[in-house]
Amino acid sequence: MTATFETIAKEKIETLKFPNDEVLKDKDLIKERESELNRALALGNLEHTKIKIYFEDDQSRKLVETTVWGVTDKRVILKQGVVIPINRVHKISL
């Protein structure tokens, strides 16, 4: 990723505001993100592996290192019910 992402604590995510628009414009990147989320979910549930989620709120780009506990059609679910809208996620990595 060429842009800089500010590291944020998972607990701070619930205070953020997320616009409704999609951060990824390329359909192939959106499919890749979906695949990455499914892999992160499997790693989180089976091995409790922490992954990096690069996302964007209404202010800036952010990075959180955490375990993914669930994925719905619109949200990534982290511990303690913290959620990030999928359409605001740029990338997921180990």
N, C-alpha and C. Protein backbone atom coordinates (compact mmCIF):
# COMPACT_ATOMS: atom_id res chain seq x y z
N MET A 1 0.85 -1.17 0.00
CA MET A 1 0.00 0.00 0.00
C MET A 1 0.90 1.24 0.00
N THR A 2 0.58 2.16 -0.84
CA THR A 2 1.41 3.35 -0.96
C THR A 2 1.02 4.43 0.05
N ALA A 3 -0.24 4.51 0.39
CA ALA A 3 -0.69 5.52 1.35
C ALA A 3 -0.32 5.10 2.77
N THR A 4 -0.19 6.07 3.65
CA THR A 4 0.12 5.74 5.03
C THR A 4 -1.17 5.50 5.80
N PHE A 5 -1.10 4.55 6.70
CA PHE A 5 -2.23 4.18 7.54
C PHE A 5 -1.83 4.37 8.99
N GLU A 6 -2.66 5.05 9.74
CA GLU A 6 -2.43 5.31 11.17
C GLU A 6 -2.91 4.11 11.97
N THR A 7 -2.06 3.58 12.84
CA THR A 7 -2.44 2.45 13.68
C THR A 7 -3.42 2.92 14.75
N ILE A 8 -4.47 2.13 14.96
CA ILE A 8 -5.51 2.47 15.92
C ILE A 8 -5.81 1.24 16.77
N ALA A 9 -6.15 1.46 18.03
CA ALA A 9 -6.56 0.37 18.91
C ALA A 9 -7.97 -0.09 18.54
N LYS A 10 -8.20 -1.38 18.62
CA LYS A 10 -9.50 -1.95 18.27
C LYS A 10 -10.62 -1.29 19.06
N GLU A 11 -10.36 -0.96 20.30
CA GLU A 11 -11.38 -0.37 21.17
C GLU A 11 -11.84 1.01 20.70
N LYS A 12 -11.02 1.69 19.91
CA LYS A 12 -11.37 3.03 19.42
C LYS A 12 -12.26 2.98 18.17
N ILE A 13 -12.34 1.84 17.53
CA ILE A 13 -13.08 1.74 16.27
C ILE A 13 -14.55 2.10 16.43
N GLU A 14 -15.16 1.71 17.54
CA GLU A 14 -16.58 1.98 17.72
C GLU A 14 -16.90 3.47 17.84
N THR A 15 -15.89 4.31 18.01
CA THR A 15 -16.11 5.77 18.07
C THR A 15 -16.01 6.43 16.69
N LEU A 16 -15.60 5.66 15.68
CA LEU A 16 -15.39 6.21 14.34
C LEU A 16 -16.70 6.30 13.56
N LYS A 17 -16.70 7.18 12.57
CA LYS A 17 -17.85 7.32 11.66
C LYS A 17 -17.42 6.83 10.29
N PHE A 18 -18.28 5.99 9.68
CA PHE A 18 -17.97 5.41 8.38
C PHE A 18 -18.97 5.86 7.33
N PRO A 19 -18.49 6.50 6.26
CA PRO A 19 -19.37 6.84 5.14
C PRO A 19 -19.88 5.57 4.46
N ASN A 20 -20.91 5.70 3.63
CA ASN A 20 -21.49 4.54 2.95
C ASN A 20 -20.79 4.17 1.65
N ASP A 21 -19.95 5.05 1.11
CA ASP A 21 -19.36 4.76 -0.20
C ASP A 21 -18.24 3.72 -0.11
N GLU A 22 -18.02 3.05 -1.23
CA GLU A 22 -17.02 1.99 -1.37
C GLU A 22 -15.63 2.62 -1.55
N VAL A 23 -14.63 2.10 -0.82
CA VAL A 23 -13.26 2.63 -0.95
C VAL A 23 -12.53 2.01 -2.13
N LEU A 24 -12.92 0.81 -2.54
CA LEU A 24 -12.29 0.16 -3.69
C LEU A 24 -13.14 0.38 -4.93
N LYS A 25 -12.51 0.79 -6.00
CA LYS A 25 -13.25 1.06 -7.24
C LYS A 25 -13.13 -0.08 -8.25
N ASP A 26 -12.15 -0.95 -8.09
CA ASP A 26 -11.89 -2.04 -9.02
C ASP A 26 -12.61 -3.32 -8.55
N LYS A 27 -13.38 -3.94 -9.44
CA LYS A 27 -14.14 -5.15 -9.09
C LYS A 27 -13.22 -6.31 -8.69
N ASP A 28 -12.04 -6.40 -9.30
CA ASP A 28 -11.10 -7.47 -8.95
C ASP A 28 -10.57 -7.28 -7.53
N LEU A 29 -10.32 -6.03 -7.14
CA LEU A 29 -9.86 -5.75 -5.77
C LEU A 29 -10.96 -6.07 -4.75
N ILE A 30 -12.21 -5.83 -5.12
CA ILE A 30 -13.33 -6.14 -4.23
C ILE A 30 -13.43 -7.65 -4.03
N LYS A 31 -13.25 -8.43 -5.11
CA LYS A 31 -13.27 -9.90 -5.00
C LYS A 31 -12.10 -10.40 -4.17
N GLU A 32 -10.94 -9.78 -4.36
CA GLU A 32 -9.76 -10.16 -3.58
C GLU A 32 -9.98 -9.88 -2.10
N ARG A 33 -10.60 -8.75 -1.80
CA ARG A 33 -10.91 -8.40 -0.40
C ARG A 33 -11.84 -9.45 0.21
N GLU A 34 -12.84 -9.87 -0.54
CA GLU A 34 -13.78 -10.89 -0.04
C GLU A 34 -13.04 -12.19 0.28
N SER A 35 -12.13 -12.58 -0.58
CA SER A 35 -11.34 -13.78 -0.36
C SER A 35 -10.44 -13.63 0.88
N GLU A 36 -9.81 -12.46 1.02
CA GLU A 36 -8.96 -12.19 2.18
C GLU A 36 -9.76 -12.23 3.47
N LEU A 37 -10.98 -11.70 3.44
CA LEU A 37 -11.83 -11.70 4.64
C LEU A 37 -12.21 -13.13 5.04
N ASN A 38 -12.53 -13.96 4.07
CA ASN A 38 -12.87 -15.35 4.38
C ASN A 38 -11.67 -16.09 4.97
N ARG A 39 -10.49 -15.82 4.45
CA ARG A 39 -9.27 -16.43 4.99
C ARG A 39 -9.02 -15.93 6.42
N ALA A 40 -9.18 -14.62 6.63
CA ALA A 40 -8.97 -14.04 7.96
C ALA A 40 -9.96 -14.63 8.96
N LEU A 41 -11.19 -14.86 8.52
CA LEU A 41 -12.21 -15.46 9.40
C LEU A 41 -11.80 -16.87 9.80
N ALA A 42 -11.35 -17.65 8.83
CA ALA A 42 -10.91 -19.03 9.12
C ALA A 42 -9.72 -19.02 10.08
N LEU A 43 -8.75 -18.16 9.84
CA LEU A 43 -7.58 -18.08 10.72
C LEU A 43 -7.97 -17.61 12.12
N GLY A 44 -8.91 -16.68 12.19
CA GLY A 44 -9.35 -16.17 13.49
C GLY A 44 -10.08 -17.21 14.31
N ASN A 45 -10.96 -17.97 13.66
CA ASN A 45 -11.76 -18.96 14.38
C ASN A 45 -10.97 -20.22 14.70
N LEU A 46 -10.09 -20.64 13.81
CA LEU A 46 -9.36 -21.89 14.03
C LEU A 46 -8.09 -21.71 14.85
N GLU A 47 -7.34 -20.65 14.57
CA GLU A 47 -6.03 -20.48 15.21
C GLU A 47 -5.89 -19.20 16.02
N HIS A 48 -6.95 -18.39 16.07
CA HIS A 48 -6.92 -17.10 16.79
C HIS A 48 -5.77 -16.22 16.31
N THR A 49 -5.49 -16.29 15.01
CA THR A 49 -4.42 -15.51 14.39
C THR A 49 -4.84 -14.06 14.22
N LYS A 50 -3.96 -13.15 14.62
CA LYS A 50 -4.24 -11.72 14.41
C LYS A 50 -3.82 -11.34 13.00
N ILE A 51 -4.64 -10.52 12.37
CA ILE A 51 -4.36 -10.03 11.03
C ILE A 51 -4.43 -8.51 11.04
N LYS A 52 -3.93 -7.90 9.96
CA LYS A 52 -3.98 -6.45 9.84
C LYS A 52 -5.11 -6.07 8.89
N ILE A 53 -5.96 -5.17 9.35
CA ILE A 53 -7.05 -4.66 8.52
C ILE A 53 -6.75 -3.19 8.22
N TYR A 54 -6.61 -2.88 6.93
CA TYR A 54 -6.38 -1.51 6.48
C TYR A 54 -7.74 -0.96 6.05
N PHE A 55 -8.19 0.10 6.70
CA PHE A 55 -9.52 0.62 6.42
C PHE A 55 -9.54 2.13 6.47
N GLU A 56 -10.69 2.71 6.15
CA GLU A 56 -10.81 4.16 6.09
C GLU A 56 -12.13 4.60 6.71
N ASP A 57 -12.06 5.56 7.64
CA ASP A 57 -13.29 6.14 8.20
C ASP A 57 -13.55 7.46 7.47
N ASP A 58 -14.31 8.35 8.08
CA ASP A 58 -14.61 9.63 7.42
C ASP A 58 -13.49 10.66 7.56
N GLN A 59 -12.42 10.31 8.30
CA GLN A 59 -11.32 11.24 8.54
C GLN A 59 -10.02 10.84 7.86
N SER A 60 -9.64 9.56 7.97
CA SER A 60 -8.33 9.14 7.47
C SER A 60 -8.26 7.62 7.31
N ARG A 61 -7.11 7.18 6.81
CA ARG A 61 -6.86 5.75 6.66
C ARG A 61 -6.26 5.21 7.94
N LYS A 62 -6.72 4.02 8.33
CA LYS A 62 -6.30 3.46 9.61
C LYS A 62 -5.93 1.98 9.45
N LEU A 63 -5.22 1.47 10.45
CA LEU A 63 -4.78 0.09 10.49
C LEU A 63 -5.03 -0.45 11.88
N VAL A 64 -5.63 -1.64 11.96
CA VAL A 64 -5.82 -2.30 13.23
C VAL A 64 -5.31 -3.73 13.10
N GLU A 65 -4.64 -4.21 14.14
CA GLU A 65 -4.19 -5.60 14.17
C GLU A 65 -5.06 -6.33 15.18
N THR A 66 -5.82 -7.31 14.70
CA THR A 66 -6.82 -7.95 15.53
C THR A 66 -7.21 -9.30 14.97
N THR A 67 -8.09 -9.99 15.67
CA THR A 67 -8.63 -11.27 15.22
C THR A 67 -10.03 -11.04 14.66
N VAL A 68 -10.31 -11.63 13.50
CA VAL A 68 -11.64 -11.54 12.90
C VAL A 68 -12.50 -12.67 13.48
N TRP A 69 -13.65 -12.30 14.07
CA TRP A 69 -14.53 -13.29 14.68
C TRP A 69 -15.72 -13.63 13.80
N GLY A 70 -16.06 -12.73 12.87
CA GLY A 70 -17.18 -13.00 11.99
C GLY A 70 -17.16 -12.08 10.79
N VAL A 71 -17.86 -12.50 9.73
CA VAL A 71 -18.00 -11.69 8.53
C VAL A 71 -19.44 -11.84 8.06
N THR A 72 -20.14 -10.72 7.87
CA THR A 72 -21.47 -10.74 7.28
C THR A 72 -21.35 -10.20 5.86
N ASP A 73 -22.46 -10.01 5.20
CA ASP A 73 -22.38 -9.47 3.84
C ASP A 73 -21.96 -8.00 3.85
N LYS A 74 -22.06 -7.31 5.00
CA LYS A 74 -21.73 -5.89 5.04
C LYS A 74 -20.69 -5.51 6.09
N ARG A 75 -20.37 -6.42 7.02
CA ARG A 75 -19.49 -6.04 8.14
C ARG A 75 -18.46 -7.11 8.49
N VAL A 76 -17.32 -6.62 9.01
CA VAL A 76 -16.31 -7.47 9.62
C VAL A 76 -16.52 -7.34 11.12
N ILE A 77 -16.67 -8.46 11.81
CA ILE A 77 -16.94 -8.45 13.25
C ILE A 77 -15.67 -8.84 14.00
N LEU A 78 -15.29 -7.97 14.93
CA LEU A 78 -14.13 -8.20 15.77
C LEU A 78 -14.60 -8.56 17.17
N LYS A 79 -13.67 -8.78 18.09
CA LYS A 79 -14.03 -9.07 19.49
C LYS A 79 -14.90 -7.97 20.08
N GLN A 80 -15.72 -8.32 21.04
CA GLN A 80 -16.56 -7.40 21.79
C GLN A 80 -17.55 -6.66 20.90
N GLY A 81 -17.93 -7.29 19.78
CA GLY A 81 -18.95 -6.71 18.91
C GLY A 81 -18.52 -5.49 18.12
N VAL A 82 -17.23 -5.22 18.07
CA VAL A 82 -16.72 -4.10 17.27
C VAL A 82 -16.83 -4.48 15.80
N VAL A 83 -17.34 -3.56 14.97
CA VAL A 83 -17.51 -3.87 13.54
C VAL A 83 -16.88 -2.79 12.66
N ILE A 84 -16.43 -3.24 11.49
CA ILE A 84 -15.93 -2.35 10.44
C ILE A 84 -16.74 -2.68 9.19
N PRO A 85 -17.34 -1.69 8.56
CA PRO A 85 -18.07 -1.96 7.30
C PRO A 85 -17.11 -2.48 6.23
N ILE A 86 -17.48 -3.55 5.55
CA ILE A 86 -16.62 -4.14 4.53
C ILE A 86 -16.29 -3.14 3.43
N ASN A 87 -17.25 -2.29 3.07
CA ASN A 87 -17.01 -1.34 1.98
C ASN A 87 -15.98 -0.27 2.34
N ARG A 88 -15.53 -0.23 3.59
CA ARG A 88 -14.50 0.73 4.02
C ARG A 88 -13.12 0.06 4.20
N VAL A 89 -13.03 -1.24 3.91
CA VAL A 89 -11.77 -1.99 4.06
C VAL A 89 -11.00 -1.93 2.75
N HIS A 90 -9.73 -1.51 2.84
CA HIS A 90 -8.85 -1.46 1.67
C HIS A 90 -8.19 -2.81 1.43
N LYS A 91 -7.67 -3.43 2.52
CA LYS A 91 -6.88 -4.64 2.39
C LYS A 91 -6.80 -5.35 3.72
N ILE A 92 -6.55 -6.65 3.65
CA ILE A 92 -6.33 -7.48 4.83
C ILE A 92 -5.02 -8.23 4.60
N SER A 93 -4.17 -8.31 5.63
CA SER A 93 -2.92 -9.06 5.48
C SER A 93 -2.53 -9.70 6.81
N LEU A 94 -1.63 -10.68 6.73
CA LEU A 94 -1.15 -11.37 7.94
C LEU A 94 -0.10 -10.56 8.65
